[in-house]
Amino acid sequence: MKAIAITAAAQANGNIDALQDIEIEKPVAHGHDLLVQISAISVNPVDTKVRAGFNADTPRILGWDAVGVVADVGDAVTLFKPGDTVWYAGALTRPGSNSEYQLVDERIVALKPASLDNPSAAALPLTAITAWEMLFDRLGVNEDGNEGDVLLIVGAAGGVGSIMTQLARKLTKMTVIGTASRPESQQWVTDLGAHHVIDHSKPLTEELARIGIQHVTHVASLNNTEEHYQQLIEALIPQGKLALIDDPETLDARPLKAKSISLHWEFMFTRSMFETQDIIEQHRLLTRVASLIDDGVIKTTLGEHFGAINAENLRKAHRLLESHRAVGKIVLEGF
């Protein structure tokens, strides 16, 4: 089968050019695995991070978002059958979705939203899982609850922020504030439903004061946490909650003590990586998100369609992601 893999470690000019088309054997489904024929994928920051950190002898297939058709099932599979069209974000520890066929555990898979075409659906699984887990599991927000609370989403125009903005606005009673620095990204966040949009290239406390907000109760920090850390602590109320998904080089938790601010990490691969007892929650979560989409509650965050799934187009996608100029998700479709 066809696949695209990272084949060399980064040199002085990086290793995007080491994304190469390859041919490998089609895998075989066992146990809880589905063998999925890939129809469409999207590209996430995790793809660029794993690519940049690659340093091995065996080529690695990247890709952690997919829509496809179940071609075969393992002997323990109960949730799906061949012919089902599914969506998922896969597992960090297994070969990715940049290939014609992929094995994926059924417990982190759901049926694709019926109302979306394949690329529009492929834009969503990883970011939807991350946003949902961060908002409801880590920050402890309640559906249809938290009236009077204020959520600040730092980096609201990105993939995760684009979903979280919608989930928080449509499924909770919180006031939702998103950050974005460019006119087009600010408009994007407004269109997704944020009550307010502020500019994270300026001091956040000053930007909050500009819109008449003194303090926030919850923060979802999706990028540049180190840069904003002290301002986030200042903006949070006593006993507020701070959650993050990025990778600060260092993070001193001691300044959180005076306000008893709780710190929460979100990593959507935890359940699949450790096969946690509640791994099936990702199946349920994606099933719920599919229903919300089909009911018109939330919408796709597709930004750009880069054409067929091949090394040339994936290299373009990685370059755009690393420029930090992408608005919405980058998708590719078909081989």
C-alpha atoms as a PDB file:
ATOM      1  CA  MET A   1       0.000   0.000   0.000  1.00  0.00           C
ATOM      2  CA  LYS A   2       1.006   3.633  -0.404  1.00  0.00           C
ATOM      3  CA  ALA A   3       2.120   5.648   2.604  1.00  0.00           C
ATOM      4  CA  ILE A   4       4.001   8.836   3.424  1.00  0.00           C
ATOM      5  CA  ALA A   5       6.671   8.600   6.119  1.00  0.00           C
ATOM      6  CA  ILE A   6       9.315  10.722   7.765  1.00  0.00           C
ATOM      7  CA  THR A   7      12.606   9.148   6.724  1.00  0.00           C
ATOM      8  CA  ALA A   8      15.397  11.292   8.207  1.00  0.00           C
ATOM      9  CA  ALA A   9      16.203  13.286  11.307  1.00  0.00           C
ATOM     10  CA  ALA A  10      16.264  17.068  11.209  1.00  0.00           C
ATOM     11  CA  GLN A  11      19.383  18.791   9.901  1.00  0.00           C
ATOM     12  CA  ALA A  12      20.224  22.501   9.984  1.00  0.00           C
ATOM     13  CA  ASN A  13      17.342  23.266   7.592  1.00  0.00           C
ATOM     14  CA  GLY A  14      14.866  20.907   9.295  1.00  0.00           C
ATOM     15  CA  ASN A  15      13.483  17.681   7.885  1.00  0.00           C
ATOM     16  CA  ILE A  16      10.235  18.544   6.091  1.00  0.00           C
ATOM     17  CA  ASP A  17      11.840  17.407   2.832  1.00  0.00           C
ATOM     18  CA  ALA A  18      12.352  13.976   4.438  1.00  0.00           C
ATOM     19  CA  LEU A  19       8.602  13.339   4.215  1.00  0.00           C
ATOM     20  CA  GLN A  20       8.626  10.782   1.403  1.00  0.00           C
ATOM     21  CA  ASP A  21       6.210   8.534  -0.475  1.00  0.00           C
ATOM     22  CA  ILE A  22       6.882   4.860   0.340  1.00  0.00           C
ATOM     23  CA  GLU A  23       5.329   1.435  -0.293  1.00  0.00           C
ATOM     24  CA  ILE A  24       4.716  -1.002   2.587  1.00  0.00           C
ATOM     25  CA  GLU A  25       2.681  -4.142   3.296  1.00  0.00           C
ATOM     26  CA  LYS A  26      -0.988  -3.683   4.166  1.00  0.00           C
ATOM     27  CA  PRO A  27      -1.518  -4.508   7.875  1.00  0.00           C
ATOM     28  CA  VAL A  28      -3.869  -7.190   9.220  1.00  0.00           C
ATOM     29  CA  ALA A  29      -6.561  -6.590  11.855  1.00  0.00           C
ATOM     30  CA  HIS A  30      -6.527  -8.571  15.126  1.00  0.00           C
ATOM     31  CA  GLY A  31      -8.292  -8.187  18.468  1.00  0.00           C
ATOM     32  CA  HIS A  32     -10.055  -4.820  18.862  1.00  0.00           C
ATOM     33  CA  ASP A  33      -8.467  -3.426  15.701  1.00  0.00           C
ATOM     34  CA  LEU A  34     -10.248  -2.104  12.640  1.00  0.00           C
ATOM     35  CA  LEU A  35      -8.464  -2.050   9.305  1.00  0.00           C
ATOM     36  CA  VAL A  36      -9.559   1.267   7.810  1.00  0.00           C
ATOM     37  CA  GLN A  37      -9.133   2.311   4.190  1.00  0.00           C
ATOM     38  CA  ILE A  38      -8.265   5.997   4.509  1.00  0.00           C
ATOM     39  CA  SER A  39     -10.400   8.532   2.629  1.00  0.00           C
ATOM     40  CA  ALA A  40      -9.285  11.865   4.118  1.00  0.00           C
ATOM     41  CA  ILE A  41      -6.900  13.174   6.774  1.00  0.00           C
ATOM     42  CA  SER A  42      -5.974  16.435   8.443  1.00  0.00           C
ATOM     43  CA  VAL A  43      -2.640  17.732   9.702  1.00  0.00           C
ATOM     44  CA  ASN A  44      -2.074  18.799  13.323  1.00  0.00           C
ATOM     45  CA  PRO A  45       0.781  20.409  15.271  1.00  0.00           C
ATOM     46  CA  VAL A  46       1.569  16.968  16.715  1.00  0.00           C
ATOM     47  CA  ASP A  47       2.527  15.867  13.189  1.00  0.00           C
ATOM     48  CA  THR A  48       5.121  18.613  12.921  1.00  0.00           C
ATOM     49  CA  LYS A  49       6.460  17.979  16.444  1.00  0.00           C
ATOM     50  CA  VAL A  50       6.885  14.229  15.882  1.00  0.00           C
ATOM     51  CA  ARG A  51       8.450  14.856  12.473  1.00  0.00           C
ATOM     52  CA  ALA A  52      10.908  17.407  13.862  1.00  0.00           C
ATOM     53  CA  GLY A  53      11.883  15.058  16.692  1.00  0.00           C
ATOM     54  CA  PHE A  54      12.276  11.968  14.500  1.00  0.00           C
ATOM     55  CA  ASN A  55      15.615  10.219  14.916  1.00  0.00           C
ATOM     56  CA  ALA A  56      15.335   6.542  14.012  1.00  0.00           C
ATOM     57  CA  ASP A  57      16.425   4.040  11.388  1.00  0.00           C
ATOM     58  CA  THR A  58      12.906   2.906  10.435  1.00  0.00           C
ATOM     59  CA  PRO A  59      10.651   5.355   8.571  1.00  0.00           C
ATOM     60  CA  ARG A  60       7.655   6.490  10.625  1.00  0.00           C
ATOM     61  CA  ILE A  61       4.159   7.078   9.238  1.00  0.00           C
ATOM     62  CA  LEU A  62       2.633  10.205  10.773  1.00  0.00           C
ATOM     63  CA  GLY A  63      -0.989  11.375  10.855  1.00  0.00           C
ATOM     64  CA  TRP A  64      -3.495  11.586  13.706  1.00  0.00           C
ATOM     65  CA  ASP A  65      -6.813  12.425  12.116  1.00  0.00           C
ATOM     66  CA  ALA A  66      -8.705  10.276   9.663  1.00  0.00           C
ATOM     67  CA  VAL A  67     -11.967   9.434   7.971  1.00  0.00           C
ATOM     68  CA  GLY A  68     -12.219   6.117   6.196  1.00  0.00           C
ATOM     69  CA  VAL A  69     -14.150   2.942   5.500  1.00  0.00           C
ATOM     70  CA  VAL A  70     -13.758  -0.183   7.621  1.00  0.00           C
ATOM     71  CA  ALA A  71     -12.220  -2.818   5.359  1.00  0.00           C
ATOM     72  CA  ASP A  72     -11.795  -5.597   7.948  1.00  0.00           C
ATOM     73  CA  VAL A  73     -12.166  -6.170  11.697  1.00  0.00           C
ATOM     74  CA  GLY A  74     -10.315  -8.097  14.395  1.00  0.00           C
ATOM     75  CA  ASP A  75     -11.893 -11.040  16.219  1.00  0.00           C
ATOM     76  CA  ALA A  76     -12.767  -8.946  19.326  1.00  0.00           C
ATOM     77  CA  VAL A  77     -14.501  -6.103  17.478  1.00  0.00           C
ATOM     78  CA  THR A  78     -18.151  -5.494  18.441  1.00  0.00           C
ATOM     79  CA  LEU A  79     -18.816  -1.846  17.571  1.00  0.00           C
ATOM     80  CA  PHE A  80     -18.271  -1.775  13.794  1.00  0.00           C
ATOM     81  CA  LYS A  81     -18.517  -3.866  10.648  1.00  0.00           C
ATOM     82  CA  PRO A  82     -16.878  -3.724   7.209  1.00  0.00           C
ATOM     83  CA  GLY A  83     -18.359  -0.931   5.138  1.00  0.00           C
ATOM     84  CA  ASP A  84     -18.875   1.492   8.041  1.00  0.00           C
ATOM     85  CA  THR A  85     -17.525   5.008   7.462  1.00  0.00           C
ATOM     86  CA  VAL A  86     -15.676   6.093  10.598  1.00  0.00           C
ATOM     87  CA  TRP A  87     -13.629   8.949  12.039  1.00  0.00           C
ATOM     88  CA  TYR A  88     -10.938   9.010  14.724  1.00  0.00           C
ATOM     89  CA  ALA A  89      -7.635  10.513  15.847  1.00  0.00           C
ATOM     90  CA  GLY A  90      -5.662   7.293  16.306  1.00  0.00           C
ATOM     91  CA  ALA A  91      -2.876   6.582  18.789  1.00  0.00           C
ATOM     92  CA  LEU A  92       0.522   8.252  19.096  1.00  0.00           C
ATOM     93  CA  THR A  93       2.238   4.896  19.635  1.00  0.00           C
ATOM     94  CA  ARG A  94       1.063   3.325  16.343  1.00  0.00           C
ATOM     95  CA  PRO A  95       1.578   3.996  12.612  1.00  0.00           C
ATOM     96  CA  GLY A  96      -0.486   7.000  11.556  1.00  0.00           C
ATOM     97  CA  SER A  97      -3.131   7.862   8.998  1.00  0.00           C
ATOM     98  CA  ASN A  98      -0.832   9.068   6.193  1.00  0.00           C
ATOM     99  CA  SER A  99      -1.337   5.743   4.453  1.00  0.00           C
ATOM    100  CA  GLU A 100      -3.897   3.922   2.333  1.00  0.00           C
ATOM    101  CA  TYR A 101      -4.810   1.583   5.204  1.00  0.00           C
ATOM    102  CA  GLN A 102      -4.429   1.940   8.970  1.00  0.00           C
ATOM    103  CA  LEU A 103      -5.077  -0.188  12.051  1.00  0.00           C
ATOM    104  CA  VAL A 104      -6.957   1.548  14.880  1.00  0.00           C
ATOM    105  CA  ASP A 105      -8.562   0.334  18.113  1.00  0.00           C
ATOM    106  CA  GLU A 106     -12.357   0.387  17.761  1.00  0.00           C
ATOM    107  CA  ARG A 107     -12.706   1.908  21.255  1.00  0.00           C
ATOM    108  CA  ILE A 108     -11.332   5.268  20.058  1.00  0.00           C
ATOM    109  CA  VAL A 109     -13.396   5.313  16.846  1.00  0.00           C
ATOM    110  CA  ALA A 110     -16.950   6.458  16.003  1.00  0.00           C
ATOM    111  CA  LEU A 111     -19.208   6.627  12.962  1.00  0.00           C
ATOM    112  CA  LYS A 112     -18.528   9.735  10.869  1.00  0.00           C
ATOM    113  CA  PRO A 113     -21.087  12.573  11.017  1.00  0.00           C
ATOM    114  CA  ALA A 114     -23.542  11.819   8.218  1.00  0.00           C
ATOM    115  CA  SER A 115     -23.958  15.488   7.297  1.00  0.00           C
ATOM    116  CA  LEU A 116     -20.287  16.148   6.525  1.00  0.00           C
ATOM    117  CA  ASP A 117     -18.207  15.121   3.532  1.00  0.00           C
ATOM    118  CA  ASN A 118     -14.995  13.257   4.248  1.00  0.00           C
ATOM    119  CA  PRO A 119     -12.520  16.197   4.334  1.00  0.00           C
ATOM    120  CA  SER A 120     -14.844  18.337   6.477  1.00  0.00           C
ATOM    121  CA  ALA A 121     -15.101  15.484   8.980  1.00  0.00           C
ATOM    122  CA  ALA A 122     -11.370  14.702   8.893  1.00  0.00           C
ATOM    123  CA  ALA A 123     -10.653  18.212  10.190  1.00  0.00           C
ATOM    124  CA  LEU A 124     -12.211  17.451  13.557  1.00  0.00           C
ATOM    125  CA  PRO A 125     -11.434  14.291  15.591  1.00  0.00           C
ATOM    126  CA  LEU A 126      -8.154  15.151  17.354  1.00  0.00           C
ATOM    127  CA  THR A 127      -9.129  18.712  18.131  1.00  0.00           C
ATOM    128  CA  ALA A 128     -12.659  17.726  19.171  1.00  0.00           C
ATOM    129  CA  ILE A 129     -11.353  15.088  21.584  1.00  0.00           C
ATOM    130  CA  THR A 130      -8.786  17.501  23.016  1.00  0.00           C
ATOM    131  CA  ALA A 131     -11.267  20.355  23.412  1.00  0.00           C
ATOM    132  CA  TRP A 132     -13.963  18.131  24.939  1.00  0.00           C
ATOM    133  CA  GLU A 133     -11.621  16.423  27.408  1.00  0.00           C
ATOM    134  CA  MET A 134     -10.010  19.723  28.378  1.00  0.00           C
ATOM    135  CA  LEU A 135     -13.300  21.530  28.938  1.00  0.00           C
ATOM    136  CA  PHE A 136     -15.403  18.838  30.572  1.00  0.00           C
ATOM    137  CA  ASP A 137     -12.922  16.290  31.996  1.00  0.00           C
ATOM    138  CA  ARG A 138      -9.968  18.466  33.045  1.00  0.00           C
ATOM    139  CA  LEU A 139     -11.546  21.864  33.833  1.00  0.00           C
ATOM    140  CA  GLY A 140     -14.669  20.190  35.218  1.00  0.00           C
ATOM    141  CA  VAL A 141     -17.139  22.398  33.361  1.00  0.00           C
ATOM    142  CA  ASN A 142     -20.716  21.076  33.357  1.00  0.00           C
ATOM    143  CA  GLU A 143     -22.912  20.855  30.306  1.00  0.00           C
ATOM    144  CA  ASP A 144     -25.662  23.492  30.477  1.00  0.00           C
ATOM    145  CA  GLY A 145     -23.982  24.826  33.627  1.00  0.00           C
ATOM    146  CA  ASN A 146     -21.371  27.272  34.959  1.00  0.00           C
ATOM    147  CA  GLU A 147     -23.588  30.333  34.650  1.00  0.00           C
ATOM    148  CA  GLY A 148     -21.619  33.393  35.740  1.00  0.00           C
ATOM    149  CA  ASP A 149     -18.247  31.775  35.024  1.00  0.00           C
ATOM    150  CA  VAL A 150     -15.811  33.223  32.485  1.00  0.00           C
ATOM    151  CA  LEU A 151     -13.644  31.051  30.233  1.00  0.00           C
ATOM    152  CA  LEU A 152     -10.535  32.514  28.603  1.00  0.00           C
ATOM    153  CA  ILE A 153      -9.277  30.489  25.618  1.00  0.00           C
ATOM    154  CA  VAL A 154      -5.711  31.474  24.676  1.00  0.00           C
ATOM    155  CA  GLY A 155      -5.178  30.656  21.002  1.00  0.00           C
ATOM    156  CA  ALA A 156      -8.856  30.362  20.145  1.00  0.00           C
ATOM    157  CA  ALA A 157      -8.348  30.484  16.358  1.00  0.00           C
ATOM    158  CA  GLY A 158      -6.335  27.242  16.281  1.00  0.00           C
ATOM    159  CA  GLY A 159      -7.744  23.770  15.810  1.00  0.00           C
ATOM    160  CA  VAL A 160      -8.495  23.005  19.463  1.00  0.00           C
ATOM    161  CA  GLY A 161      -9.600  26.552  20.218  1.00  0.00           C
ATOM    162  CA  SER A 162     -11.994  26.542  17.280  1.00  0.00           C
ATOM    163  CA  ILE A 163     -13.835  23.532  18.696  1.00  0.00           C
ATOM    164  CA  MET A 164     -13.656  24.602  22.333  1.00  0.00           C
ATOM    165  CA  THR A 165     -15.126  28.001  21.498  1.00  0.00           C
ATOM    166  CA  GLN A 166     -18.138  26.304  19.935  1.00  0.00           C
ATOM    167  CA  LEU A 167     -18.546  23.705  22.693  1.00  0.00           C
ATOM    168  CA  ALA A 168     -18.322  26.298  25.466  1.00  0.00           C
ATOM    169  CA  ARG A 169     -20.725  28.709  23.754  1.00  0.00           C
ATOM    170  CA  LYS A 170     -23.315  26.099  22.720  1.00  0.00           C
ATOM    171  CA  LEU A 171     -23.170  23.598  25.606  1.00  0.00           C
ATOM    172  CA  THR A 172     -22.467  25.790  28.664  1.00  0.00           C
ATOM    173  CA  LYS A 173     -23.662  29.080  30.174  1.00  0.00           C
ATOM    174  CA  MET A 174     -20.162  30.523  30.507  1.00  0.00           C
ATOM    175  CA  THR A 175     -18.985  33.816  29.058  1.00  0.00           C
ATOM    176  CA  VAL A 176     -16.456  32.811  26.387  1.00  0.00           C
ATOM    177  CA  ILE A 177     -13.434  35.006  25.628  1.00  0.00           C
ATOM    178  CA  GLY A 178     -11.082  33.940  22.840  1.00  0.00           C
ATOM    179  CA  THR A 179      -7.674  35.360  21.989  1.00  0.00           C
ATOM    180  CA  ALA A 180      -6.428  35.985  18.447  1.00  0.00           C
ATOM    181  CA  SER A 181      -3.979  38.552  17.075  1.00  0.00           C
ATOM    182  CA  ARG A 182      -4.767  38.990  13.366  1.00  0.00           C
ATOM    183  CA  PRO A 183      -7.962  40.491  11.886  1.00  0.00           C
ATOM    184  CA  GLU A 184      -8.831  37.299   9.990  1.00  0.00           C
ATOM    185  CA  SER A 185      -8.298  35.059  13.017  1.00  0.00           C
ATOM    186  CA  GLN A 186     -10.227  37.458  15.254  1.00  0.00           C
ATOM    187  CA  GLN A 187     -13.149  37.335  12.821  1.00  0.00           C
ATOM    188  CA  TRP A 188     -12.913  33.511  12.751  1.00  0.00           C
ATOM    189  CA  VAL A 189     -13.221  33.333  16.547  1.00  0.00           C
ATOM    190  CA  THR A 190     -16.123  35.777  16.540  1.00  0.00           C
ATOM    191  CA  ASP A 191     -17.914  33.709  13.897  1.00  0.00           C
ATOM    192  CA  LEU A 192     -17.447  30.588  16.053  1.00  0.00           C
ATOM    193  CA  GLY A 193     -19.437  32.235  18.831  1.00  0.00           C
ATOM    194  CA  ALA A 194     -17.032  33.855  21.293  1.00  0.00           C
ATOM    195  CA  HIS A 195     -18.682  36.613  23.322  1.00  0.00           C
ATOM    196  CA  HIS A 196     -15.444  38.620  23.196  1.00  0.00           C
ATOM    197  CA  VAL A 197     -12.157  38.409  21.259  1.00  0.00           C
ATOM    198  CA  ILE A 198      -8.954  39.949  22.650  1.00  0.00           C
ATOM    199  CA  ASP A 199      -5.453  40.271  21.230  1.00  0.00           C
ATOM    200  CA  HIS A 200      -2.847  37.981  22.814  1.00  0.00           C
ATOM    201  CA  SER A 201      -0.002  40.012  21.304  1.00  0.00           C
ATOM    202  CA  LYS A 202      -0.872  42.638  23.956  1.00  0.00           C
ATOM    203  CA  PRO A 203      -0.900  42.194  27.765  1.00  0.00           C
ATOM    204  CA  LEU A 204      -3.866  39.960  28.498  1.00  0.00           C
ATOM    205  CA  THR A 205      -4.861  41.736  31.713  1.00  0.00           C
ATOM    206  CA  GLU A 206      -5.027  45.037  29.829  1.00  0.00           C
ATOM    207  CA  GLU A 207      -7.036  43.440  27.036  1.00  0.00           C
ATOM    208  CA  LEU A 208      -9.476  41.957  29.564  1.00  0.00           C
ATOM    209  CA  ALA A 209      -9.865  45.343  31.235  1.00  0.00           C
ATOM    210  CA  ARG A 210     -10.589  46.868  27.814  1.00  0.00           C
ATOM    211  CA  ILE A 211     -13.704  44.680  27.472  1.00  0.00           C
ATOM    212  CA  GLY A 212     -14.735  45.241  31.078  1.00  0.00           C
ATOM    213  CA  ILE A 213     -13.630  41.870  32.474  1.00  0.00           C
ATOM    214  CA  GLN A 214     -11.678  41.984  35.735  1.00  0.00           C
ATOM    215  CA  HIS A 215     -11.135  38.279  36.329  1.00  0.00           C
ATOM    216  CA  VAL A 216     -11.824  34.919  34.717  1.00  0.00           C
ATOM    217  CA  THR A 217     -12.727  31.635  36.404  1.00  0.00           C
ATOM    218  CA  HIS A 218     -11.240  29.177  33.893  1.00  0.00           C
ATOM    219  CA  VAL A 219      -8.329  29.357  31.436  1.00  0.00           C
ATOM    220  CA  ALA A 220      -7.631  27.015  28.534  1.00  0.00           C
ATOM    221  CA  SER A 221      -4.085  27.873  27.459  1.00  0.00           C
ATOM    222  CA  LEU A 222      -3.523  26.281  24.051  1.00  0.00           C
ATOM    223  CA  ASN A 223      -0.210  27.859  23.081  1.00  0.00           C
ATOM    224  CA  ASN A 224       2.572  30.116  24.406  1.00  0.00           C
ATOM    225  CA  THR A 225       1.703  29.301  28.028  1.00  0.00           C
ATOM    226  CA  GLU A 226       5.175  30.380  29.214  1.00  0.00           C
ATOM    227  CA  GLU A 227       4.751  33.799  27.619  1.00  0.00           C
ATOM    228  CA  HIS A 228       1.366  34.442  29.246  1.00  0.00           C
ATOM    229  CA  TYR A 229       1.774  32.490  32.496  1.00  0.00           C
ATOM    230  CA  GLN A 230       2.067  35.356  34.987  1.00  0.00           C
ATOM    231  CA  GLN A 231      -0.746  37.278  33.305  1.00  0.00           C
ATOM    232  CA  LEU A 232      -2.993  34.220  33.421  1.00  0.00           C
ATOM    233  CA  ILE A 233      -2.368  33.835  37.148  1.00  0.00           C
ATOM    234  CA  GLU A 234      -3.177  37.510  37.622  1.00  0.00           C
ATOM    235  CA  ALA A 235      -6.363  37.221  35.558  1.00  0.00           C
ATOM    236  CA  LEU A 236      -7.676  34.104  37.330  1.00  0.00           C
ATOM    237  CA  ILE A 237      -9.900  34.406  40.390  1.00  0.00           C
ATOM    238  CA  PRO A 238      -8.880  32.727  43.646  1.00  0.00           C
ATOM    239  CA  GLN A 239      -9.592  28.992  43.301  1.00  0.00           C
ATOM    240  CA  GLY A 240      -9.705  29.340  39.526  1.00  0.00           C
ATOM    241  CA  LYS A 241      -8.643  26.600  37.105  1.00  0.00           C
ATOM    242  CA  LEU A 242      -5.825  26.663  34.562  1.00  0.00           C
ATOM    243  CA  ALA A 243      -5.503  23.980  31.876  1.00  0.00           C
ATOM    244  CA  LEU A 244      -2.914  23.681  29.112  1.00  0.00           C
ATOM    245  CA  ILE A 245      -1.951  21.459  26.214  1.00  0.00           C
ATOM    246  CA  ASP A 246       1.347  22.928  25.013  1.00  0.00           C
ATOM    247  CA  ASP A 247       4.848  22.057  26.192  1.00  0.00           C
ATOM    248  CA  PRO A 248       6.459  24.840  28.240  1.00  0.00           C
ATOM    249  CA  GLU A 249      10.162  24.249  28.771  1.00  0.00           C
ATOM    250  CA  THR A 250       9.622  24.923  32.457  1.00  0.00           C
ATOM    251  CA  LEU A 251       6.510  25.644  34.493  1.00  0.00           C
ATOM    252  CA  ASP A 252       6.833  26.714  38.122  1.00  0.00           C
ATOM    253  CA  ALA A 253       3.603  25.777  39.907  1.00  0.00           C
ATOM    254  CA  ARG A 254       4.449  27.710  43.091  1.00  0.00           C
ATOM    255  CA  PRO A 255       2.890  31.023  41.954  1.00  0.00           C
ATOM    256  CA  LEU A 256      -0.453  29.207  41.805  1.00  0.00           C
ATOM    257  CA  LYS A 257      -0.445  28.566  45.546  1.00  0.00           C
ATOM    258  CA  ALA A 258      -1.590  31.938  46.912  1.00  0.00           C
ATOM    259  CA  LYS A 259      -4.799  31.792  44.888  1.00  0.00           C
ATOM    260  CA  SER A 260      -5.188  27.993  45.215  1.00  0.00           C
ATOM    261  CA  ILE A 261      -5.329  27.811  41.424  1.00  0.00           C
ATOM    262  CA  SER A 262      -5.549  24.237  40.159  1.00  0.00           C
ATOM    263  CA  LEU A 263      -3.387  23.121  37.222  1.00  0.00           C
ATOM    264  CA  HIS A 264      -4.672  20.628  34.657  1.00  0.00           C
ATOM    265  CA  TRP A 265      -2.882  18.971  31.744  1.00  0.00           C
ATOM    266  CA  GLU A 266      -4.743  17.644  28.726  1.00  0.00           C
ATOM    267  CA  PHE A 267      -3.170  15.061  26.420  1.00  0.00           C
ATOM    268  CA  MET A 268      -5.722  13.342  24.230  1.00  0.00           C
ATOM    269  CA  PHE A 269      -3.444  10.351  23.592  1.00  0.00           C
ATOM    270  CA  THR A 270      -3.365   9.342  27.274  1.00  0.00           C
ATOM    271  CA  ARG A 271      -6.318   6.967  27.027  1.00  0.00           C
ATOM    272  CA  SER A 272      -5.001   5.144  23.956  1.00  0.00           C
ATOM    273  CA  MET A 273      -1.361   5.178  25.085  1.00  0.00           C
ATOM    274  CA  PHE A 274      -2.124   3.484  28.399  1.00  0.00           C
ATOM    275  CA  GLU A 275      -5.290   1.639  27.322  1.00  0.00           C
ATOM    276  CA  THR A 276      -7.014   3.138  30.355  1.00  0.00           C
ATOM    277  CA  GLN A 277     -10.101   1.504  31.812  1.00  0.00           C
ATOM    278  CA  ASP A 278     -12.190   4.290  30.314  1.00  0.00           C
ATOM    279  CA  ILE A 279     -10.607   4.173  26.838  1.00  0.00           C
ATOM    280  CA  ILE A 280     -14.069   3.722  25.302  1.00  0.00           C
ATOM    281  CA  GLU A 281     -14.948   7.261  26.425  1.00  0.00           C
ATOM    282  CA  GLN A 282     -13.296   8.495  23.228  1.00  0.00           C
ATOM    283  CA  HIS A 283     -15.714   6.369  21.177  1.00  0.00           C
ATOM    284  CA  ARG A 284     -18.613   7.863  23.128  1.00  0.00           C
ATOM    285  CA  LEU A 285     -17.220  11.391  22.892  1.00  0.00           C
ATOM    286  CA  LEU A 286     -16.777  11.240  19.116  1.00  0.00           C
ATOM    287  CA  THR A 287     -20.244   9.730  18.759  1.00  0.00           C
ATOM    288  CA  ARG A 288     -21.677  12.677  20.717  1.00  0.00           C
ATOM    289  CA  VAL A 289     -19.735  15.219  18.653  1.00  0.00           C
ATOM    290  CA  ALA A 290     -21.002  13.588  15.458  1.00  0.00           C
ATOM    291  CA  SER A 291     -24.573  14.036  16.744  1.00  0.00           C
ATOM    292  CA  LEU A 292     -23.903  17.682  17.593  1.00  0.00           C
ATOM    293  CA  ILE A 293     -22.630  18.261  14.069  1.00  0.00           C
ATOM    294  CA  ASP A 294     -25.545  16.463  12.423  1.00  0.00           C
ATOM    295  CA  ASP A 295     -27.942  18.487  14.600  1.00  0.00           C
ATOM    296  CA  GLY A 296     -26.319  21.740  13.467  1.00  0.00           C
ATOM    297  CA  VAL A 297     -25.008  22.666  16.930  1.00  0.00           C
ATOM    298  CA  ILE A 298     -21.332  22.866  15.926  1.00  0.00           C
ATOM    299  CA  LYS A 299     -19.606  23.072  12.560  1.00  0.00           C
ATOM    300  CA  THR A 300     -16.434  21.864  10.913  1.00  0.00           C
ATOM    301  CA  THR A 301     -13.239  23.869  11.327  1.00  0.00           C
ATOM    302  CA  LEU A 302     -11.865  23.018   7.884  1.00  0.00           C
ATOM    303  CA  GLY A 303      -9.656  25.831   6.676  1.00  0.00           C
ATOM    304  CA  GLU A 304      -7.816  24.688   3.524  1.00  0.00           C
ATOM    305  CA  HIS A 305      -7.962  21.608   1.279  1.00  0.00           C
ATOM    306  CA  PHE A 306      -4.483  20.761  -0.011  1.00  0.00           C
ATOM    307  CA  GLY A 307      -5.503  18.037  -2.476  1.00  0.00           C
ATOM    308  CA  ALA A 308      -4.408  14.406  -2.583  1.00  0.00           C
ATOM    309  CA  ILE A 309      -2.615  12.586   0.226  1.00  0.00           C
ATOM    310  CA  ASN A 310       1.001  12.511  -0.939  1.00  0.00           C
ATOM    311  CA  ALA A 311       4.405  13.645   0.238  1.00  0.00           C
ATOM    312  CA  GLU A 312       4.440  16.875  -1.766  1.00  0.00           C
ATOM    313  CA  ASN A 313       1.128  18.095  -0.328  1.00  0.00           C
ATOM    314  CA  LEU A 314       1.998  16.991   3.193  1.00  0.00           C
ATOM    315  CA  ARG A 315       5.245  18.956   3.016  1.00  0.00           C
ATOM    316  CA  LYS A 316       3.218  22.044   2.046  1.00  0.00           C
ATOM    317  CA  ALA A 317       0.857  21.434   4.966  1.00  0.00           C
ATOM    318  CA  HIS A 318       3.726  21.066   7.457  1.00  0.00           C
ATOM    319  CA  ARG A 319       5.306  24.299   6.224  1.00  0.00           C
ATOM    320  CA  LEU A 320       2.066  26.240   6.600  1.00  0.00           C
ATOM    321  CA  LEU A 321       1.464  24.860  10.094  1.00  0.00           C
ATOM    322  CA  GLU A 322       4.951  25.794  11.190  1.00  0.00           C
ATOM    323  CA  SER A 323       4.457  29.341   9.851  1.00  0.00           C
ATOM    324  CA  HIS A 324       1.632  29.776  12.415  1.00  0.00           C
ATOM    325  CA  ARG A 325      -0.432  31.433   9.679  1.00  0.00           C
ATOM    326  CA  ALA A 326      -3.026  28.691   9.225  1.00  0.00           C
ATOM    327  CA  VAL A 327      -6.643  29.522  10.056  1.00  0.00           C
ATOM    328  CA  GLY A 328      -8.719  26.397  10.578  1.00  0.00           C
ATOM    329  CA  LYS A 329      -7.555  22.900   9.730  1.00  0.00           C
ATOM    330  CA  ILE A 330      -5.572  21.723   6.685  1.00  0.00           C
ATOM    331  CA  VAL A 331      -7.048  18.596   5.064  1.00  0.00           C
ATOM    332  CA  LEU A 332      -6.006  16.202   2.317  1.00  0.00           C
ATOM    333  CA  GLU A 333      -8.159  13.647   0.521  1.00  0.00           C
ATOM    334  CA  GLY A 334      -7.595  10.479  -1.500  1.00  0.00           C
ATOM    335  CA  PHE A 335      -4.555   8.784  -2.962  1.00  0.00           C
END
